[in-house]
Amino acid sequence: MTAANPSREDFEALLEQSFETHDVVEGAVVEGVITAIEKDLAVVDVGLKVEGRVPLKEFGVNAKDGKMKPGDKVEVFVERVENALGEAVLSREKARREESWINLEKQFEANEKVEGVIYNQVKGGFTVDLDGAMAFLPRSQVDIRPIRDVTPLMNNPQPFQILKMDRRRGNIVVSRRAILEESRAEQRSEIVQNLEEGQVVEGVVKNVTDYGAFVDLGGIDGLLHVTDMAWHRVNHPSEILNIGQTIKVQIIRVNQETHRISLGMKQLESDPWESIGEKYPLDAKITGRVTNITDYGAFVEIEPGIEGLIHVSEMSWTKKNVHPGKIVATSQEVEVIVLEVDPAKRRISLGLKQTLENPWNHFAEQYPVNAEVEGEVKNKTEFGLFIGLEGDVDGMVHLSDLDWSRSGEEAIEDYNKGDMVKAVVLDVDVDKERISLGIKQLGGDPISEGAESGALRKGAVVTCEVLEVKDNGLEVSIADTDIRAFIKRVDLSRDRDEQRPDRFSVGQKVDARIIQFDKKTRRVGVSIKALEIAEEKEAVKQYGSTDSGASLGDILGAALKEKGDE
């Protein structure tokens, strides 16, 4: 049969070919055959009426190596069935991209790793070729720690984790850090499982902080706390460790869940506290070096790993409200006394003042009770005076020991800070570090002396000097004594009209009779009125009664005249 009249078999073949051509649509990935290589183009037949040309560079490495040849089957993307030149517009690159997207979506859903190549740097990160599909690698997702130079990582195939995919927008975000963290977590888990508490291992100091050091144990970090570095005080880890230093440590604790590891260095040495009680008995005098000063005292190292505390109360006999830093200095060698040892609590109490003579004992020996002392008024308080004494100790004069006759509140006004005063030692309490002094005891007690001499007794007549005139009476002092008394208004005269304080003046001397005398309460009461009544009774008794014909005025006149003559 001629070509003009095709056979039945030829017609069926042409019809089948027509159906196949109809299946090739724009936007689809199809399989084609390379029919020829023309310079930098590959001619590809995909079963259309016309062939298409694809740049060889889109075929990647195979094209560069010259391995592409006619007859090879390739997958291409049909962009257009026929263009203005009558050719099919094909793209190997878009075919790869479509194929990659399909595979990447499957791997993303299965949470699988994908392989890619970092090939370019862009704003905020890098672009990664995932076998034809372009992805974005944020800078924060490159590594576990920030890295300055990414050059060694570029153009090298390596695994990534897809974080996000959006096919409509053509966006893929990947992470290299997630892969490293997963790998590190697996490595950490394996290392942790092989670690046991008490095990001694080697590590490299990775970082030093204020509270300790992080040590790399070969893929996992452990914390060496500053308190576990040495038995002695370590102010800062940098004193004994440097970054990059290889050290031996003991595993103290391992947390299998959190992978936290606590390390120790001092545990590799014997504990100096084990025999501390035998080495430093109570009251032993030893020498140490001040290592640290606080508000409450000073720490003294008496041997490596052993420190004791001098409490602020044990630093000085006399300096009570002084900061320890004004008594001792850091690194100073000091002599101390062992006051208490507690191995269980790892504490030693030391005393600094105990190495010096107790000034309170010295004062008690030098100045027994009733001894006279002299000193400067250091302070005035509401309850007395503080007097500076020999040996840098203070004594206190209570308000009640300032004056025999006046109140303490009144007497203390006579003294000022800085005054030199004399006093008598009343009591010395060495344990409580107290010295009681008295100023009024420098002179005799006028009350006691008056009572002993009989001059001060109820009914005695005394001469008084007016010290102060008040509305309710007179403040007076009894002549030849330091005793003060008060004459009430009603006791100023027998005559009510004369019971006026204003008829007296300060400095005026008046006679009065003692109507009250209590040695215990130290109260003395005097009365002019009582004296007048007593004198009247005496005159009547001496010169006769009013029945004799003489008037009371005559009797009193005669008595007063006789008194005047005397």
Protein backbone atom coordinates (compact mmCIF):
# COMPACT_ATOMS: atom_id res chain seq x y z
CA MET A 1 0.00 0.00 0.00
CA THR A 2 1.31 3.43 -0.92
CA ALA A 3 1.86 6.39 1.44
CA ALA A 4 -1.19 8.10 0.01
CA ASN A 5 -3.26 5.12 1.05
CA PRO A 6 -2.06 4.07 4.53
CA SER A 7 -2.89 0.63 5.86
CA ARG A 8 -5.19 -0.01 8.83
CA GLU A 9 -2.16 -0.63 11.13
CA ASP A 10 -0.52 2.68 10.15
CA PHE A 11 -3.72 4.57 10.85
CA GLU A 12 -4.05 3.04 14.33
CA ALA A 13 -0.42 3.99 15.07
CA LEU A 14 -1.03 7.58 13.97
CA LEU A 15 -4.19 7.72 16.09
CA GLU A 16 -2.34 6.42 19.12
CA GLN A 17 0.41 8.97 18.56
CA SER A 18 -2.28 11.68 18.33
CA PHE A 19 -3.67 10.62 21.73
CA GLU A 20 -0.21 10.66 23.27
CA THR A 21 0.43 14.15 21.90
CA HIS A 22 -2.85 15.29 23.35
CA ASP A 23 -1.73 14.09 26.86
CA VAL A 24 1.26 16.43 26.84
CA VAL A 25 -0.04 19.65 28.38
CA GLU A 26 1.56 22.89 29.42
CA GLY A 27 2.76 23.05 33.05
CA ALA A 28 3.45 19.32 33.25
CA VAL A 29 6.67 17.37 33.73
CA VAL A 30 7.11 14.77 30.99
CA GLU A 31 9.77 12.36 29.85
CA GLY A 32 11.56 13.16 26.60
CA VAL A 33 14.41 11.86 24.50
CA ILE A 34 17.48 13.84 23.45
CA THR A 35 17.60 13.66 19.68
CA ALA A 36 20.64 15.89 19.15
CA ILE A 37 23.27 18.11 20.84
CA GLU A 38 23.74 21.52 19.24
CA LYS A 39 26.55 23.57 20.82
CA ASP A 40 25.16 24.49 24.29
CA LEU A 41 21.64 23.20 23.61
CA ALA A 42 20.03 19.81 23.80
CA VAL A 43 17.22 19.02 21.31
CA VAL A 44 14.50 17.10 23.15
CA ASP A 45 11.51 15.26 21.72
CA VAL A 46 8.60 14.96 24.15
CA GLY A 47 6.10 13.53 21.66
CA LEU A 48 4.79 16.83 20.33
CA LYS A 49 4.61 17.87 16.71
CA VAL A 50 7.71 19.90 17.32
CA GLU A 51 10.85 19.44 19.37
CA GLY A 52 12.17 21.76 22.07
CA ARG A 53 15.64 23.03 22.92
CA VAL A 54 16.97 23.08 26.50
CA PRO A 55 20.28 24.80 27.57
CA LEU A 56 22.82 22.17 28.57
CA LYS A 57 23.66 24.09 31.77
CA GLU A 58 20.24 23.15 33.11
CA PHE A 59 21.32 19.52 33.16
CA GLY A 60 24.00 20.30 35.77
CA VAL A 61 27.09 18.19 36.26
CA ASN A 62 26.32 15.65 33.53
CA ALA A 63 26.21 18.37 30.94
CA LYS A 64 29.50 19.88 32.13
CA ASP A 65 31.20 16.49 32.01
CA GLY A 66 29.98 15.89 28.45
CA LYS A 67 28.01 12.79 29.42
CA MET A 68 24.81 13.96 27.72
CA LYS A 69 24.27 12.25 24.35
CA PRO A 70 21.46 11.62 21.85
CA GLY A 71 19.12 8.86 22.96
CA ASP A 72 19.28 9.77 26.66
CA LYS A 73 15.95 10.02 28.38
CA VAL A 74 15.35 13.16 30.43
CA GLU A 75 12.49 14.74 32.34
CA VAL A 76 11.57 18.29 31.35
CA PHE A 77 8.93 20.84 32.21
CA VAL A 78 6.58 21.88 29.36
CA GLU A 79 6.25 25.63 29.60
CA ARG A 80 4.54 26.02 26.20
CA VAL A 81 3.52 23.48 23.58
CA GLU A 82 4.51 25.76 20.68
CA ASN A 83 5.96 29.27 20.63
CA ALA A 84 6.11 31.85 17.86
CA LEU A 85 9.04 30.01 16.27
CA GLY A 86 7.06 26.83 16.17
CA GLU A 87 9.12 25.15 18.87
CA ALA A 88 8.17 23.60 22.20
CA VAL A 89 9.41 25.62 25.19
CA LEU A 90 10.94 23.13 27.65
CA SER A 91 12.86 23.54 30.95
CA ARG A 92 14.95 20.97 32.72
CA GLU A 93 15.48 23.32 35.70
CA LYS A 94 11.76 23.73 36.33
CA ALA A 95 11.31 19.99 36.01
CA ARG A 96 13.95 19.45 38.66
CA ARG A 97 12.27 22.03 40.83
CA GLU A 98 8.85 20.40 40.51
CA GLU A 99 10.32 17.04 41.21
CA SER A 100 12.20 18.41 44.22
CA TRP A 101 9.10 20.08 45.65
CA ILE A 102 7.18 16.82 45.44
CA ASN A 103 9.97 14.92 47.21
CA LEU A 104 10.57 17.69 49.75
CA GLU A 105 6.88 17.81 50.71
CA LYS A 106 6.96 14.08 51.37
CA GLN A 107 10.12 14.42 53.48
CA PHE A 108 8.66 17.43 55.34
CA GLU A 109 5.50 15.50 56.23
CA ALA A 110 7.62 12.56 57.38
CA ASN A 111 9.91 14.93 59.37
CA GLU A 112 12.92 13.59 57.49
CA LYS A 113 16.25 15.30 56.89
CA VAL A 114 16.99 16.67 53.43
CA GLU A 115 20.30 17.26 51.70
CA GLY A 116 21.33 20.57 50.25
CA VAL A 117 24.15 22.93 49.44
CA ILE A 118 24.70 26.44 50.82
CA TYR A 119 25.67 28.41 47.74
CA ASN A 120 24.91 32.10 48.30
CA GLN A 121 24.67 34.71 51.06
CA VAL A 122 21.62 36.99 51.23
CA LYS A 123 20.22 39.50 53.70
CA GLY A 124 19.56 37.76 57.03
CA GLY A 125 20.97 34.39 55.99
CA PHE A 126 21.84 32.14 53.06
CA THR A 127 20.25 30.35 50.10
CA VAL A 128 20.39 26.58 49.92
CA ASP A 129 19.94 24.38 46.82
CA LEU A 130 17.78 21.40 47.74
CA ASP A 131 18.29 19.48 44.47
CA GLY A 132 16.71 22.20 42.36
CA ALA A 133 14.42 23.82 44.96
CA MET A 134 15.73 27.00 46.56
CA ALA A 135 15.45 27.36 50.36
CA PHE A 136 16.30 30.09 52.87
CA LEU A 137 18.66 29.37 55.76
CA PRO A 138 18.37 32.09 58.48
CA ARG A 139 21.68 33.10 60.05
CA SER A 140 20.42 32.01 63.48
CA GLN A 141 19.86 28.49 62.13
CA VAL A 142 23.35 27.96 60.74
CA ASP A 143 24.98 26.62 63.93
CA ILE A 144 24.37 26.09 67.64
CA ARG A 145 26.63 29.03 68.40
CA PRO A 146 27.14 32.14 66.25
CA ILE A 147 29.94 31.66 63.73
CA ARG A 148 31.81 34.44 61.98
CA ASP A 149 33.09 32.65 58.86
CA VAL A 150 30.62 30.48 56.92
CA THR A 151 32.94 29.92 53.94
CA PRO A 152 33.96 26.37 54.99
CA LEU A 153 30.27 25.38 55.03
CA MET A 154 29.44 26.63 51.53
CA ASN A 155 29.20 24.42 48.40
CA ASN A 156 29.35 21.25 50.50
CA PRO A 157 26.41 18.84 50.53
CA GLN A 158 25.06 18.51 54.09
CA PRO A 159 21.82 17.65 55.86
CA PHE A 160 19.13 20.20 56.77
CA GLN A 161 15.79 20.16 58.56
CA ILE A 162 12.81 21.81 56.83
CA LEU A 163 11.14 24.22 59.24
CA LYS A 164 8.46 25.63 56.93
CA MET A 165 7.15 25.14 53.36
CA ASP A 166 4.72 27.27 51.32
CA ARG A 167 4.36 25.98 47.76
CA ARG A 168 2.01 28.74 46.71
CA ARG A 169 4.59 31.36 47.54
CA GLY A 170 7.53 29.13 46.71
CA ASN A 171 9.06 29.57 50.19
CA ILE A 172 11.13 26.96 52.02
CA VAL A 173 12.91 27.66 55.32
CA VAL A 174 15.54 25.19 56.53
CA SER A 175 17.78 24.75 59.59
CA ARG A 176 21.24 23.30 59.97
CA ARG A 177 21.22 24.01 63.72
CA ALA A 178 18.34 21.58 64.34
CA ILE A 179 20.41 18.77 62.83
CA LEU A 180 23.40 19.66 65.00
CA GLU A 181 21.28 19.87 68.15
CA GLU A 182 19.70 16.51 67.45
CA SER A 183 23.08 14.98 66.84
CA ARG A 184 24.44 16.62 69.94
CA ALA A 185 21.47 15.43 72.01
CA GLU A 186 22.07 11.85 70.84
CA GLN A 187 25.75 12.21 71.62
CA ARG A 188 25.00 13.73 75.05
CA SER A 189 22.56 10.95 75.87
CA GLU A 190 25.13 8.33 74.99
CA ILE A 191 27.84 10.05 77.04
CA VAL A 192 25.55 10.57 80.05
CA GLN A 193 24.58 6.91 80.05
CA ASN A 194 28.25 6.00 80.38
CA LEU A 195 28.86 8.36 83.32
CA GLU A 196 28.50 7.29 86.93
CA GLU A 197 28.63 9.24 90.19
CA GLY A 198 32.08 8.99 91.75
CA GLN A 199 33.77 8.42 88.39
CA VAL A 200 36.97 10.39 87.72
CA VAL A 201 37.26 11.82 84.19
CA GLU A 202 39.30 14.36 82.27
CA GLY A 203 37.80 17.46 80.74
CA VAL A 204 38.68 20.77 79.17
CA VAL A 205 37.65 24.07 80.76
CA LYS A 206 35.26 25.60 78.25
CA ASN A 207 34.02 28.70 80.07
CA VAL A 208 34.63 30.45 83.41
CA THR A 209 31.89 32.39 85.24
CA ASP A 210 31.55 34.05 88.64
CA TYR A 211 29.93 30.96 90.12
CA GLY A 212 32.03 28.22 88.53
CA ALA A 213 33.38 26.72 85.31
CA PHE A 214 31.89 24.65 82.47
CA VAL A 215 34.00 21.64 81.58
CA ASP A 216 33.73 19.79 78.25
CA LEU A 217 33.71 16.04 78.91
CA GLY A 218 33.96 15.12 75.22
CA GLY A 219 30.66 16.31 73.80
CA ILE A 220 28.78 17.25 76.95
CA ASP A 221 29.40 20.01 79.47
CA GLY A 222 29.49 19.61 83.24
CA LEU A 223 29.37 22.38 85.84
CA LEU A 224 32.22 22.66 88.30
CA HIS A 225 30.84 24.97 91.00
CA VAL A 226 33.23 27.33 92.73
CA THR A 227 32.54 25.66 96.11
CA ASP A 228 33.67 22.30 94.69
CA MET A 229 36.97 23.54 93.25
CA ALA A 230 39.02 23.45 96.45
CA TRP A 231 38.63 22.91 100.16
CA HIS A 232 39.86 26.47 100.77
CA ARG A 233 37.94 29.63 99.86
CA VAL A 234 38.01 30.53 96.15
CA ASN A 235 36.92 34.11 95.55
CA HIS A 236 36.71 33.65 91.77
CA PRO A 237 37.19 30.52 89.61
CA SER A 238 39.75 32.37 87.45
CA GLU A 239 42.14 32.20 90.42
CA ILE A 240 42.78 28.51 89.76
CA LEU A 241 41.35 27.74 86.27
CA ASN A 242 41.93 28.97 82.72
CA ILE A 243 39.89 28.41 79.55
CA GLY A 244 41.39 25.53 77.54
CA GLN A 245 43.00 23.95 80.61
CA THR A 246 42.73 20.15 80.91
CA ILE A 247 41.72 19.06 84.41
CA LYS A 248 40.70 15.94 86.29
CA VAL A 249 37.29 16.03 87.92
CA GLN A 250 34.97 13.69 89.78
CA ILE A 251 31.35 13.15 88.79
CA ILE A 252 29.29 14.27 91.79
CA ARG A 253 25.76 14.07 90.34
CA VAL A 254 24.26 12.99 87.00
CA ASN A 255 20.69 13.77 85.95
CA GLN A 256 19.76 11.34 83.17
CA GLU A 257 16.66 13.35 82.23
CA THR A 258 18.05 16.88 82.05
CA HIS A 259 21.61 15.75 81.22
CA ARG A 260 22.96 18.02 83.92
CA ILE A 261 26.28 16.97 85.38
CA SER A 262 27.82 18.34 88.57
CA LEU A 263 31.59 18.05 88.91
CA GLY A 264 34.09 18.40 91.72
CA MET A 265 37.84 18.90 92.03
CA LYS A 266 38.29 19.09 95.78
CA GLN A 267 36.73 15.62 96.12
CA LEU A 268 39.94 14.20 94.62
CA GLU A 269 41.84 15.36 97.71
CA SER A 270 41.45 14.32 101.35
CA ASP A 271 39.10 16.43 103.45
CA PRO A 272 41.18 18.58 105.82
CA TRP A 273 38.21 18.82 108.24
CA GLU A 274 38.36 15.14 109.18
CA SER A 275 40.98 15.57 111.92
CA ILE A 276 40.40 19.23 112.65
CA GLY A 277 39.47 18.78 116.32
CA GLU A 278 42.77 17.11 117.14
CA LYS A 279 44.89 19.64 115.29
CA TYR A 280 43.23 22.72 116.78
CA PRO A 281 42.11 22.20 120.39
CA LEU A 282 40.16 24.85 122.27
CA ASP A 283 42.15 27.86 123.54
CA ALA A 284 45.06 27.01 121.22
CA LYS A 285 46.91 30.07 119.93
CA ILE A 286 47.54 29.87 116.18
CA THR A 287 48.54 32.15 113.30
CA GLY A 288 46.52 32.64 110.12
CA ARG A 289 45.98 34.93 107.15
CA VAL A 290 42.90 37.13 106.70
CA THR A 291 41.19 36.02 103.47
CA ASN A 292 37.88 37.87 103.54
CA ILE A 293 36.26 40.70 105.51
CA THR A 294 32.50 41.10 105.96
CA ASP A 295 30.20 43.26 108.06
CA TYR A 296 29.93 40.52 110.68
CA GLY A 297 33.60 39.59 110.97
CA ALA A 298 36.73 38.36 109.20
CA PHE A 299 37.65 34.94 107.77
CA VAL A 300 41.13 33.65 108.58
CA GLU A 301 42.82 30.78 106.74
CA ILE A 302 44.79 28.74 109.25
CA GLU A 303 45.83 26.12 106.67
CA PRO A 304 44.91 25.36 103.03
CA GLY A 305 41.24 24.43 102.99
CA ILE A 306 40.55 25.48 106.58
CA GLU A 307 39.12 28.86 107.45
CA GLY A 308 37.81 30.18 110.73
CA LEU A 309 35.64 33.18 111.50
CA ILE A 310 36.54 35.97 113.88
CA HIS A 311 33.13 37.37 114.74
CA VAL A 312 33.01 41.14 115.08
CA SER A 313 32.26 40.71 118.79
CA GLU A 314 35.55 38.82 119.23
CA MET A 315 37.77 41.32 117.46
CA SER A 316 38.34 43.99 120.10
CA TRP A 317 37.71 44.44 123.81
CA THR A 318 36.79 48.08 123.43
CA LYS A 319 35.86 48.83 119.79
CA LYS A 320 32.26 47.68 119.72
CA ASN A 321 30.71 49.51 116.78
CA VAL A 322 33.62 49.49 114.33
CA HIS A 323 33.66 47.71 110.96
CA PRO A 324 36.06 44.72 110.98
CA GLY A 325 37.91 46.29 108.05
CA LYS A 326 39.16 49.00 110.41
CA ILE A 327 40.72 46.43 112.73
CA VAL A 328 42.26 43.94 110.28
CA ALA A 329 43.12 43.97 106.57
CA THR A 330 42.92 41.32 103.84
CA SER A 331 46.10 39.18 103.61
CA GLN A 332 47.20 40.34 107.06
CA GLU A 333 48.85 37.74 109.29
CA VAL A 334 47.08 37.59 112.64
CA GLU A 335 47.40 35.64 115.86
CA VAL A 336 44.11 34.17 117.10
CA ILE A 337 42.69 31.88 119.79
CA VAL A 338 40.52 28.84 118.98
CA LEU A 339 37.15 29.40 120.67
CA GLU A 340 35.02 26.62 119.15
CA VAL A 341 35.44 23.78 116.63
CA ASP A 342 32.45 22.12 114.90
CA PRO A 343 33.66 19.53 112.31
CA ALA A 344 30.08 18.56 111.40
CA LYS A 345 29.17 22.10 110.39
CA ARG A 346 32.75 22.75 109.19
CA ARG A 347 33.06 25.81 111.39
CA ILE A 348 35.82 27.20 113.56
CA SER A 349 35.23 30.22 115.77
CA LEU A 350 38.30 32.32 116.44
CA GLY A 351 39.04 35.18 118.80
CA LEU A 352 41.39 38.07 118.16
CA LYS A 353 40.82 40.08 121.34
CA GLN A 354 41.66 37.03 123.47
CA THR A 355 45.31 37.33 122.42
CA LEU A 356 45.42 40.72 124.19
CA GLU A 357 45.04 41.57 127.88
CA ASN A 358 41.45 42.11 128.94
CA PRO A 359 41.33 45.83 129.80
CA TRP A 360 38.37 45.21 132.12
CA ASN A 361 40.47 42.83 134.21
CA HIS A 362 43.33 45.30 134.20
CA PHE A 363 41.04 48.13 135.32
CA ALA A 364 39.53 46.03 138.11
CA GLU A 365 43.02 45.27 139.42
CA GLN A 366 44.18 48.87 139.21
CA TYR A 367 41.00 50.53 140.50
CA PRO A 368 39.05 48.57 143.12
CA VAL A 369 35.68 49.68 144.44
CA ASN A 370 35.78 53.14 146.10
CA ALA A 371 38.91 54.11 144.15
CA GLU A 372 38.83 57.61 142.69
CA VAL A 373 39.25 58.02 138.90
CA GLU A 374 39.27 60.86 136.42
CA GLY A 375 38.16 60.88 132.80
CA GLU A 376 36.54 62.74 129.93
CA VAL A 377 32.79 62.86 129.38
CA LYS A 378 32.40 60.83 126.17
CA ASN A 379 28.64 60.96 125.89
CA LYS A 380 25.48 62.20 127.61
CA THR A 381 22.40 60.00 127.47
CA GLU A 382 18.96 60.02 129.01
CA PHE A 383 20.15 57.66 131.74
CA GLY A 384 23.56 59.08 132.59
CA LEU A 385 27.12 60.00 131.58
CA PHE A 386 29.76 57.82 129.88
CA ILE A 387 33.27 58.58 131.09
CA GLY A 388 36.40 57.55 129.17
CA LEU A 389 38.86 55.79 131.52
CA GLU A 390 42.36 54.37 131.44
CA GLY A 391 42.81 51.37 129.13
CA ASP A 392 40.32 52.72 126.57
CA VAL A 393 37.35 51.51 128.61
CA ASP A 394 34.24 53.47 129.53
CA GLY A 395 32.45 53.81 132.83
CA MET A 396 28.91 55.03 133.37
CA VAL A 397 27.59 57.47 135.96
CA HIS A 398 23.87 56.83 136.37
CA LEU A 399 21.56 59.80 136.85
CA SER A 400 20.94 58.71 140.43
CA ASP A 401 24.67 58.94 141.20
CA LEU A 402 25.22 62.50 140.00
CA ASP A 403 24.01 64.52 142.99
CA TRP A 404 22.75 63.85 146.51
CA SER A 405 20.11 66.54 146.63
CA ARG A 406 19.11 67.31 143.06
CA SER A 407 17.35 65.07 140.53
CA GLY A 408 19.54 63.37 137.94
CA GLU A 409 17.78 65.17 135.09
CA GLU A 410 18.65 68.49 136.69
CA ALA A 411 22.19 67.57 137.74
CA ILE A 412 23.23 66.21 134.30
CA GLU A 413 22.77 69.65 132.80
CA ASP A 414 25.94 70.72 134.64
CA TYR A 415 28.04 68.43 132.40
CA ASN A 416 29.03 68.65 128.74
CA LYS A 417 30.76 66.31 126.34
CA GLY A 418 34.51 66.78 126.66
CA ASP A 419 34.47 67.86 130.32
CA MET A 420 37.06 66.27 132.61
CA VAL A 421 35.38 64.91 135.73
CA LYS A 422 36.30 62.90 138.78
CA ALA A 423 34.29 59.96 140.03
CA VAL A 424 34.34 57.02 142.43
CA VAL A 425 34.35 53.36 141.27
CA LEU A 426 31.15 51.76 142.54
CA ASP A 427 31.33 48.37 140.76
CA VAL A 428 33.29 46.53 138.04
CA ASP A 429 31.63 43.60 136.18
CA VAL A 430 34.37 42.03 134.04
CA ASP A 431 32.07 39.46 132.38
CA LYS A 432 29.52 42.07 131.29
CA GLU A 433 32.29 44.62 130.66
CA ARG A 434 30.59 47.27 132.78
CA ILE A 435 32.04 49.85 135.14
CA SER A 436 29.67 51.77 137.43
CA LEU A 437 30.85 55.17 138.65
CA GLY A 438 29.47 57.79 141.01
CA ILE A 439 30.14 61.50 141.20
CA LYS A 440 28.05 62.35 144.24
CA GLN A 441 30.04 59.77 146.22
CA LEU A 442 33.08 62.07 146.03
CA GLY A 443 31.46 63.97 148.93
CA GLY A 444 29.66 62.69 151.98
CA ASP A 445 25.94 62.08 152.01
CA PRO A 446 24.45 65.12 153.79
CA ILE A 447 21.37 63.13 154.72
CA SER A 448 23.39 60.40 156.42
CA GLU A 449 25.78 62.87 158.01
CA GLY A 450 22.92 65.03 159.27
CA ALA A 451 21.16 62.00 160.67
CA GLU A 452 24.28 60.79 162.45
CA SER A 453 25.06 64.21 163.94
CA GLY A 454 21.48 64.76 164.99
CA ALA A 455 21.32 68.11 163.22
CA LEU A 456 18.70 66.71 160.90
CA ARG A 457 15.90 65.28 162.91
CA LYS A 458 12.22 65.84 163.10
CA GLY A 459 11.53 68.93 165.18
CA ALA A 460 14.96 70.48 164.72
CA VAL A 461 15.13 74.16 163.84
CA VAL A 462 17.26 74.98 160.75
CA THR A 463 18.14 78.08 158.80
CA CYS A 464 17.19 77.93 155.09
CA GLU A 465 18.17 80.02 152.10
CA VAL A 466 15.51 80.77 149.49
CA LEU A 467 16.60 79.36 146.11
CA GLU A 468 13.41 79.89 144.15
CA VAL A 469 10.04 81.52 144.74
CA LYS A 470 7.11 79.60 143.27
CA ASP A 471 3.36 80.09 143.34
CA ASN A 472 2.86 77.09 145.61
CA GLY A 473 5.80 77.67 147.92
CA LEU A 474 9.56 78.14 148.31
CA GLU A 475 12.47 76.03 147.08
CA VAL A 476 15.14 76.29 149.80
CA SER A 477 18.48 74.81 150.82
CA ILE A 478 19.30 73.99 154.46
CA ALA A 479 22.30 75.98 155.68
CA ASP A 480 25.68 74.18 155.94
CA THR A 481 24.37 71.27 153.84
CA ASP A 482 23.60 70.49 150.22
CA ILE A 483 20.14 69.36 151.18
CA ARG A 484 17.23 70.91 149.39
CA ALA A 485 13.72 71.18 150.76
CA PHE A 486 10.41 72.68 149.77
CA ILE A 487 8.22 74.87 152.02
CA LYS A 488 4.61 74.62 150.96
CA ARG A 489 2.46 77.73 150.78
CA VAL A 490 0.42 76.66 153.81
CA ASP A 491 3.66 76.29 155.80
CA LEU A 492 4.91 79.82 155.12
CA SER A 493 3.11 81.34 158.15
CA ARG A 494 0.58 80.65 160.86
CA ASP A 495 -1.29 83.71 159.72
CA ARG A 496 -3.23 82.94 156.55
CA ASP A 497 -2.74 86.47 155.25
CA GLU A 498 1.02 85.95 155.45
CA GLN A 499 1.02 82.70 153.47
CA ARG A 500 2.20 84.51 150.36
CA PRO A 501 5.40 83.31 148.59
CA ASP A 502 5.89 86.72 146.96
CA ARG A 503 6.81 88.31 150.31
CA PHE A 504 10.06 86.30 150.16
CA SER A 505 13.00 86.85 147.82
CA VAL A 506 15.78 84.65 146.43
CA GLY A 507 18.77 84.63 148.79
CA GLN A 508 16.71 85.52 151.85
CA LYS A 509 17.39 83.41 154.92
CA VAL A 510 14.52 82.12 157.04
CA ASP A 511 14.25 79.87 160.06
CA ALA A 512 12.02 76.82 159.86
CA ARG A 513 11.28 73.64 161.72
CA ILE A 514 11.89 70.14 160.25
CA ILE A 515 8.51 68.45 160.10
CA GLN A 516 9.55 65.41 157.98
CA PHE A 517 12.82 63.49 157.77
CA ASP A 518 13.04 60.09 155.99
CA LYS A 519 16.56 58.78 155.49
CA LYS A 520 15.45 55.99 153.17
CA THR A 521 13.42 58.13 150.79
CA ARG A 522 15.77 61.09 151.36
CA ARG A 523 12.82 63.41 151.93
CA VAL A 524 13.15 66.46 154.19
CA GLY A 525 10.18 68.72 154.88
CA VAL A 526 10.45 72.11 156.68
CA SER A 527 7.81 74.58 157.86
CA ILE A 528 7.93 78.20 159.05
CA LYS A 529 4.41 77.81 160.35
CA ALA A 530 5.43 74.85 162.53
CA LEU A 531 8.28 76.90 163.99
CA GLU A 532 5.94 79.80 164.82
CA ILE A 533 3.49 77.48 166.56
CA ALA A 534 6.29 75.82 168.49
CA GLU A 535 7.73 79.15 169.57
CA GLU A 536 4.26 80.34 170.69
CA LYS A 537 3.80 77.25 172.79
CA GLU A 538 7.23 77.67 174.30
CA ALA A 539 6.57 81.35 175.11
CA VAL A 540 3.25 80.55 176.74
CA LYS A 541 4.87 77.83 178.74
CA GLN A 542 7.70 80.08 179.87
CA TYR A 543 5.89 83.32 180.52
CA GLY A 544 2.62 82.01 181.77
CA SER A 545 -0.84 81.52 180.40
CA THR A 546 -3.24 84.19 179.24
CA ASP A 547 -5.18 83.75 182.53
CA SER A 548 -2.50 85.70 184.43
CA GLY A 549 -3.84 88.90 182.95
CA ALA A 550 -1.11 89.27 180.34
CA SER A 551 -2.25 89.20 176.76
CA LEU A 552 -0.80 86.77 174.21
CA GLY A 553 0.81 89.74 172.52
CA ASP A 554 2.51 90.72 175.76
CA ILE A 555 3.82 87.21 176.26
CA LEU A 556 5.15 86.94 172.73
CA GLY A 557 6.61 90.43 172.95
CA ALA A 558 8.49 89.55 176.10
CA ALA A 559 9.74 86.33 174.54
CA LEU A 560 10.93 88.06 171.41
CA LYS A 561 12.63 90.82 173.43
CA GLU A 562 14.52 88.23 175.45
CA LYS A 563 15.49 86.41 172.31
CA GLY A 564 16.70 89.69 170.85
CA ASP A 565 18.80 90.47 173.89
CA GLU A 566 20.43 87.10 173.63
